[in-house]
Amino acid sequence: MEVIRSDEIIAFENSGVISRQLIFPENSNSERVAITKVSMPPGTINPRHAHESSEQIWVALEGHGLLMLSEDQTLEFQAGDVVRFSENEIHGFHNTGNVDFVYLSVMSPPLNFRTAYEREWSA
């Protein structure tokens, strides 16, 4: 059994996006899943990207905005919605609302997002 206390949760930040690493390779021995709580202020963008060897599920908890998909496609996404991205599937998000967009990310197999948050993002 593993218990990760709230004061042990690491938060990464880039371009206003705050990513709280609830379960990830630095605080868990899980080889199957990583769970992250992400908060995006109004107007922020998580640029389009893909994960080469992991699938990812987002559960929207608060707010709304646009999923940014391949070929410049977008799709409305709001609190209560759930989306699953296959490995190598292009995805990103633009918070077009006037409140923080908050979602849980579940990734399998787990990835360590530390390096992704250490470099500057651009839309």
N, C-alpha and C. Protein backbone atom coordinates (compact mmCIF):
# COMPACT_ATOMS: atom_id res chain seq x y z
N MET A 1 0.84 -1.18 0.00
CA MET A 1 0.00 0.00 0.00
C MET A 1 0.88 1.24 0.00
N GLU A 2 0.46 2.25 -0.71
CA GLU A 2 1.14 3.55 -0.70
C GLU A 2 0.14 4.62 -0.31
N VAL A 3 0.57 5.54 0.53
CA VAL A 3 -0.22 6.72 0.87
C VAL A 3 0.62 7.93 0.54
N ILE A 4 0.09 8.80 -0.30
CA ILE A 4 0.78 10.04 -0.63
C ILE A 4 0.02 11.16 0.07
N ARG A 5 0.66 11.78 1.02
CA ARG A 5 0.05 12.86 1.80
C ARG A 5 0.02 14.15 0.98
N SER A 6 -0.95 14.99 1.26
CA SER A 6 -1.12 16.22 0.48
C SER A 6 0.13 17.09 0.48
N ASP A 7 0.87 17.09 1.59
CA ASP A 7 2.08 17.92 1.64
C ASP A 7 3.25 17.29 0.87
N GLU A 8 3.05 16.09 0.35
CA GLU A 8 4.07 15.41 -0.45
C GLU A 8 3.82 15.52 -1.95
N ILE A 9 2.70 16.14 -2.33
CA ILE A 9 2.34 16.24 -3.74
C ILE A 9 3.11 17.38 -4.38
N ILE A 10 3.83 17.06 -5.43
CA ILE A 10 4.63 18.05 -6.16
C ILE A 10 3.75 18.72 -7.20
N ALA A 11 3.91 20.03 -7.34
CA ALA A 11 3.19 20.78 -8.38
C ALA A 11 4.19 21.36 -9.35
N PHE A 12 3.95 21.11 -10.65
CA PHE A 12 4.75 21.72 -11.71
C PHE A 12 3.93 22.85 -12.31
N GLU A 13 4.60 23.90 -12.78
CA GLU A 13 3.89 25.03 -13.39
C GLU A 13 4.60 25.47 -14.65
N ASN A 14 3.80 25.80 -15.67
CA ASN A 14 4.33 26.31 -16.92
C ASN A 14 3.25 27.14 -17.59
N SER A 15 3.56 28.37 -17.94
CA SER A 15 2.64 29.25 -18.65
C SER A 15 1.29 29.38 -17.95
N GLY A 16 1.30 29.35 -16.61
CA GLY A 16 0.07 29.50 -15.83
C GLY A 16 -0.62 28.19 -15.50
N VAL A 17 -0.26 27.11 -16.17
CA VAL A 17 -0.87 25.81 -15.94
C VAL A 17 -0.18 25.16 -14.74
N ILE A 18 -0.98 24.72 -13.77
CA ILE A 18 -0.43 24.05 -12.58
C ILE A 18 -0.85 22.59 -12.62
N SER A 19 0.14 21.71 -12.51
CA SER A 19 -0.07 20.27 -12.61
C SER A 19 0.37 19.61 -11.31
N ARG A 20 -0.60 19.15 -10.53
CA ARG A 20 -0.31 18.49 -9.25
C ARG A 20 -0.17 16.99 -9.50
N GLN A 21 1.01 16.48 -9.23
CA GLN A 21 1.34 15.08 -9.50
C GLN A 21 0.87 14.20 -8.34
N LEU A 22 -0.37 13.72 -8.42
CA LEU A 22 -0.95 12.93 -7.33
C LEU A 22 -0.27 11.57 -7.21
N ILE A 23 -0.15 10.88 -8.33
CA ILE A 23 0.56 9.59 -8.41
C ILE A 23 1.42 9.68 -9.66
N PHE A 24 2.74 9.62 -9.50
CA PHE A 24 3.63 9.65 -10.65
C PHE A 24 4.94 8.98 -10.27
N PRO A 25 5.83 8.74 -11.24
CA PRO A 25 7.00 7.92 -10.96
C PRO A 25 7.89 8.38 -9.80
N GLU A 26 7.85 9.66 -9.42
CA GLU A 26 8.70 10.12 -8.33
C GLU A 26 8.11 9.90 -6.94
N ASN A 27 6.79 9.64 -6.85
CA ASN A 27 6.21 9.44 -5.52
C ASN A 27 5.46 8.12 -5.38
N SER A 28 5.54 7.29 -6.41
CA SER A 28 4.81 6.02 -6.38
C SER A 28 5.60 4.94 -7.12
N ASN A 29 5.39 3.71 -6.70
CA ASN A 29 5.99 2.57 -7.39
C ASN A 29 5.07 2.00 -8.46
N SER A 30 3.95 2.68 -8.74
CA SER A 30 3.02 2.18 -9.74
C SER A 30 3.67 2.11 -11.11
N GLU A 31 3.53 0.98 -11.74
CA GLU A 31 4.02 0.79 -13.10
C GLU A 31 2.89 0.84 -14.10
N ARG A 32 1.65 1.08 -13.63
CA ARG A 32 0.49 1.02 -14.51
C ARG A 32 -0.22 2.35 -14.72
N VAL A 33 -0.10 3.29 -13.76
CA VAL A 33 -0.91 4.50 -13.88
C VAL A 33 -0.23 5.70 -13.22
N ALA A 34 -0.49 6.87 -13.79
CA ALA A 34 -0.14 8.15 -13.18
C ALA A 34 -1.43 8.97 -13.13
N ILE A 35 -1.62 9.73 -12.05
CA ILE A 35 -2.81 10.57 -11.91
C ILE A 35 -2.35 11.98 -11.57
N THR A 36 -2.85 12.93 -12.34
CA THR A 36 -2.47 14.33 -12.20
C THR A 36 -3.72 15.19 -12.13
N LYS A 37 -3.72 16.21 -11.27
CA LYS A 37 -4.80 17.20 -11.23
C LYS A 37 -4.24 18.48 -11.83
N VAL A 38 -4.86 18.93 -12.91
CA VAL A 38 -4.37 20.08 -13.66
C VAL A 38 -5.35 21.24 -13.54
N SER A 39 -4.80 22.44 -13.33
CA SER A 39 -5.61 23.66 -13.25
C SER A 39 -5.07 24.66 -14.26
N MET A 40 -5.97 25.16 -15.12
CA MET A 40 -5.60 26.10 -16.17
C MET A 40 -6.41 27.38 -16.03
N PRO A 41 -5.76 28.52 -15.76
CA PRO A 41 -6.49 29.79 -15.68
C PRO A 41 -7.14 30.16 -17.01
N PRO A 42 -8.14 31.03 -16.99
CA PRO A 42 -8.76 31.48 -18.23
C PRO A 42 -7.72 31.99 -19.23
N GLY A 43 -7.91 31.59 -20.49
CA GLY A 43 -7.04 32.06 -21.56
C GLY A 43 -5.80 31.22 -21.78
N THR A 44 -5.46 30.31 -20.85
CA THR A 44 -4.23 29.53 -21.02
C THR A 44 -4.43 28.39 -22.01
N ILE A 45 -3.29 27.98 -22.58
CA ILE A 45 -3.29 26.92 -23.58
C ILE A 45 -2.26 25.86 -23.19
N ASN A 46 -2.69 24.62 -23.23
CA ASN A 46 -1.78 23.48 -23.16
C ASN A 46 -1.61 23.08 -24.63
N PRO A 47 -0.46 23.36 -25.23
CA PRO A 47 -0.28 23.16 -26.68
C PRO A 47 -0.51 21.71 -27.13
N ARG A 48 -0.84 21.57 -28.40
CA ARG A 48 -1.01 20.23 -28.98
C ARG A 48 0.26 19.41 -28.79
N HIS A 49 0.06 18.15 -28.45
CA HIS A 49 1.17 17.22 -28.25
C HIS A 49 0.62 15.80 -28.30
N ALA A 50 1.50 14.83 -28.24
CA ALA A 50 1.09 13.42 -28.20
C ALA A 50 2.04 12.68 -27.26
N HIS A 51 1.57 11.55 -26.76
CA HIS A 51 2.39 10.71 -25.90
C HIS A 51 2.66 9.41 -26.65
N GLU A 52 3.92 9.19 -26.92
CA GLU A 52 4.34 8.09 -27.80
C GLU A 52 3.91 6.71 -27.32
N SER A 53 3.97 6.49 -26.01
CA SER A 53 3.74 5.11 -25.55
C SER A 53 2.71 5.00 -24.43
N SER A 54 1.90 6.04 -24.24
CA SER A 54 0.89 6.01 -23.17
C SER A 54 -0.45 6.51 -23.68
N GLU A 55 -1.52 5.95 -23.13
CA GLU A 55 -2.83 6.53 -23.37
C GLU A 55 -3.16 7.42 -22.19
N GLN A 56 -4.08 8.38 -22.42
CA GLN A 56 -4.40 9.36 -21.37
C GLN A 56 -5.90 9.60 -21.37
N ILE A 57 -6.45 9.71 -20.16
CA ILE A 57 -7.87 10.01 -19.97
C ILE A 57 -7.97 11.30 -19.18
N TRP A 58 -8.82 12.21 -19.65
CA TRP A 58 -9.09 13.45 -18.91
C TRP A 58 -10.53 13.40 -18.40
N VAL A 59 -10.70 13.76 -17.13
CA VAL A 59 -12.02 13.91 -16.52
C VAL A 59 -12.15 15.38 -16.15
N ALA A 60 -13.03 16.11 -16.85
CA ALA A 60 -13.20 17.54 -16.61
C ALA A 60 -13.99 17.74 -15.32
N LEU A 61 -13.41 18.49 -14.38
CA LEU A 61 -14.04 18.73 -13.07
C LEU A 61 -14.70 20.09 -12.97
N GLU A 62 -14.06 21.13 -13.55
CA GLU A 62 -14.57 22.50 -13.46
C GLU A 62 -14.25 23.23 -14.75
N GLY A 63 -15.16 24.13 -15.17
CA GLY A 63 -14.91 25.00 -16.30
C GLY A 63 -15.19 24.35 -17.65
N HIS A 64 -14.72 25.03 -18.70
CA HIS A 64 -14.93 24.53 -20.06
C HIS A 64 -13.92 25.19 -21.00
N GLY A 65 -13.86 24.65 -22.20
CA GLY A 65 -12.96 25.20 -23.21
C GLY A 65 -12.95 24.32 -24.44
N LEU A 66 -11.84 24.37 -25.16
CA LEU A 66 -11.73 23.64 -26.43
C LEU A 66 -10.61 22.61 -26.38
N LEU A 67 -10.97 21.36 -26.69
CA LEU A 67 -9.94 20.36 -26.95
C LEU A 67 -9.30 20.73 -28.28
N MET A 68 -8.00 20.76 -28.34
CA MET A 68 -7.27 21.06 -29.57
C MET A 68 -6.75 19.73 -30.12
N LEU A 69 -7.25 19.35 -31.28
CA LEU A 69 -6.95 18.04 -31.84
C LEU A 69 -6.09 18.17 -33.09
N SER A 70 -5.83 17.07 -33.76
CA SER A 70 -5.00 17.10 -34.96
C SER A 70 -5.68 17.87 -36.08
N GLU A 71 -4.89 18.30 -37.03
CA GLU A 71 -5.37 19.02 -38.21
C GLU A 71 -6.18 20.26 -37.83
N ASP A 72 -5.77 20.95 -36.77
CA ASP A 72 -6.41 22.17 -36.29
C ASP A 72 -7.88 22.02 -35.92
N GLN A 73 -8.32 20.80 -35.67
CA GLN A 73 -9.70 20.58 -35.23
C GLN A 73 -9.82 20.93 -33.75
N THR A 74 -11.01 21.38 -33.33
CA THR A 74 -11.30 21.65 -31.93
C THR A 74 -12.65 21.02 -31.58
N LEU A 75 -12.86 20.83 -30.29
CA LEU A 75 -14.10 20.23 -29.81
C LEU A 75 -14.39 20.81 -28.43
N GLU A 76 -15.63 21.26 -28.19
CA GLU A 76 -16.03 21.77 -26.88
C GLU A 76 -15.86 20.67 -25.83
N PHE A 77 -15.39 21.07 -24.64
CA PHE A 77 -15.16 20.12 -23.56
C PHE A 77 -15.45 20.85 -22.26
N GLN A 78 -16.27 20.25 -21.38
CA GLN A 78 -16.69 20.95 -20.17
C GLN A 78 -16.79 20.02 -18.98
N ALA A 79 -16.97 20.62 -17.81
CA ALA A 79 -17.09 19.87 -16.56
C ALA A 79 -18.09 18.73 -16.74
N GLY A 80 -17.69 17.54 -16.30
CA GLY A 80 -18.52 16.35 -16.42
C GLY A 80 -18.17 15.49 -17.60
N ASP A 81 -17.47 16.06 -18.60
CA ASP A 81 -17.07 15.30 -19.78
C ASP A 81 -15.82 14.46 -19.49
N VAL A 82 -15.67 13.39 -20.25
CA VAL A 82 -14.50 12.52 -20.15
C VAL A 82 -14.01 12.25 -21.57
N VAL A 83 -12.69 12.30 -21.77
CA VAL A 83 -12.12 11.99 -23.08
C VAL A 83 -10.93 11.06 -22.89
N ARG A 84 -10.75 10.15 -23.84
CA ARG A 84 -9.61 9.23 -23.83
C ARG A 84 -8.79 9.45 -25.09
N PHE A 85 -7.49 9.64 -24.93
CA PHE A 85 -6.56 9.79 -26.05
C PHE A 85 -5.71 8.53 -26.14
N SER A 86 -5.66 7.94 -27.32
CA SER A 86 -4.79 6.79 -27.56
C SER A 86 -3.35 7.26 -27.62
N GLU A 87 -2.42 6.32 -27.52
CA GLU A 87 -1.01 6.70 -27.69
C GLU A 87 -0.82 7.31 -29.08
N ASN A 88 0.02 8.32 -29.15
CA ASN A 88 0.32 9.07 -30.36
C ASN A 88 -0.82 9.93 -30.88
N GLU A 89 -1.93 10.06 -30.16
CA GLU A 89 -3.04 10.89 -30.60
C GLU A 89 -2.79 12.35 -30.18
N ILE A 90 -2.86 13.25 -31.14
CA ILE A 90 -2.63 14.68 -30.89
C ILE A 90 -3.75 15.24 -30.03
N HIS A 91 -3.36 16.02 -29.00
CA HIS A 91 -4.34 16.67 -28.14
C HIS A 91 -3.70 17.85 -27.41
N GLY A 92 -4.53 18.79 -27.03
CA GLY A 92 -4.14 19.95 -26.25
C GLY A 92 -5.42 20.58 -25.74
N PHE A 93 -5.32 21.73 -25.08
CA PHE A 93 -6.52 22.36 -24.55
C PHE A 93 -6.34 23.87 -24.47
N HIS A 94 -7.42 24.59 -24.78
CA HIS A 94 -7.47 26.04 -24.64
C HIS A 94 -8.62 26.38 -23.72
N ASN A 95 -8.32 27.02 -22.57
CA ASN A 95 -9.37 27.43 -21.65
C ASN A 95 -9.97 28.73 -22.18
N THR A 96 -11.10 28.61 -22.83
CA THR A 96 -11.81 29.77 -23.39
C THR A 96 -12.83 30.34 -22.41
N GLY A 97 -12.95 29.73 -21.24
CA GLY A 97 -13.93 30.18 -20.25
C GLY A 97 -13.39 31.32 -19.39
N ASN A 98 -14.20 31.73 -18.41
CA ASN A 98 -13.81 32.83 -17.53
C ASN A 98 -13.48 32.36 -16.11
N VAL A 99 -13.38 31.05 -15.93
CA VAL A 99 -12.94 30.46 -14.65
C VAL A 99 -11.86 29.42 -14.95
N ASP A 100 -11.15 29.00 -13.92
CA ASP A 100 -10.13 27.95 -14.11
C ASP A 100 -10.78 26.70 -14.69
N PHE A 101 -10.08 26.07 -15.61
CA PHE A 101 -10.47 24.76 -16.09
C PHE A 101 -9.65 23.75 -15.29
N VAL A 102 -10.32 22.80 -14.65
CA VAL A 102 -9.65 21.82 -13.79
C VAL A 102 -10.04 20.42 -14.27
N TYR A 103 -9.03 19.58 -14.42
CA TYR A 103 -9.31 18.21 -14.83
C TYR A 103 -8.34 17.23 -14.18
N LEU A 104 -8.77 15.98 -14.08
CA LEU A 104 -7.90 14.89 -13.67
C LEU A 104 -7.39 14.20 -14.92
N SER A 105 -6.12 13.90 -14.92
CA SER A 105 -5.50 13.14 -16.01
C SER A 105 -5.08 11.80 -15.45
N VAL A 106 -5.48 10.74 -16.14
CA VAL A 106 -5.07 9.39 -15.79
C VAL A 106 -4.28 8.85 -16.97
N MET A 107 -3.05 8.43 -16.73
CA MET A 107 -2.17 8.00 -17.81
C MET A 107 -1.64 6.61 -17.55
N SER A 108 -1.63 5.79 -18.62
CA SER A 108 -1.12 4.44 -18.50
C SER A 108 -0.39 4.05 -19.78
N PRO A 109 0.83 3.52 -19.67
CA PRO A 109 1.65 3.49 -18.46
C PRO A 109 2.06 4.90 -18.05
N PRO A 110 2.50 5.06 -16.81
CA PRO A 110 2.79 6.40 -16.29
C PRO A 110 3.98 7.06 -16.98
N LEU A 111 3.90 8.38 -17.05
CA LEU A 111 5.01 9.21 -17.52
C LEU A 111 5.36 10.21 -16.44
N ASN A 112 6.60 10.64 -16.42
CA ASN A 112 7.04 11.71 -15.53
C ASN A 112 7.02 13.00 -16.33
N PHE A 113 6.15 13.94 -15.95
CA PHE A 113 5.97 15.19 -16.69
C PHE A 113 6.96 16.29 -16.29
N ARG A 114 7.89 16.00 -15.42
CA ARG A 114 8.81 17.03 -14.94
C ARG A 114 9.49 17.76 -16.11
N THR A 115 10.06 17.04 -17.05
CA THR A 115 10.79 17.71 -18.15
C THR A 115 9.85 18.51 -19.05
N ALA A 116 8.62 18.06 -19.22
CA ALA A 116 7.66 18.80 -20.04
C ALA A 116 7.35 20.17 -19.43
N TYR A 117 7.33 20.24 -18.12
CA TYR A 117 7.03 21.51 -17.45
C TYR A 117 8.26 22.39 -17.29
N GLU A 118 9.44 21.84 -17.51
CA GLU A 118 10.67 22.63 -17.37
C GLU A 118 10.98 23.46 -18.61
N ARG A 119 10.41 23.10 -19.76
CA ARG A 119 10.66 23.90 -20.97
C ARG A 119 9.45 24.80 -21.24
N GLU A 120 9.70 25.92 -21.88
CA GLU A 120 8.64 26.90 -22.15
C GLU A 120 7.67 26.37 -23.19
N TRP A 121 6.37 26.57 -22.95
CA TRP A 121 5.34 26.12 -23.87
C TRP A 121 5.04 27.22 -24.86
N SER A 122 4.66 26.84 -26.06
CA SER A 122 4.16 27.79 -27.05
C SER A 122 3.01 27.14 -27.78
N ALA A 123 2.00 27.92 -28.07
CA ALA A 123 0.81 27.40 -28.75
C ALA A 123 1.16 27.12 -30.18
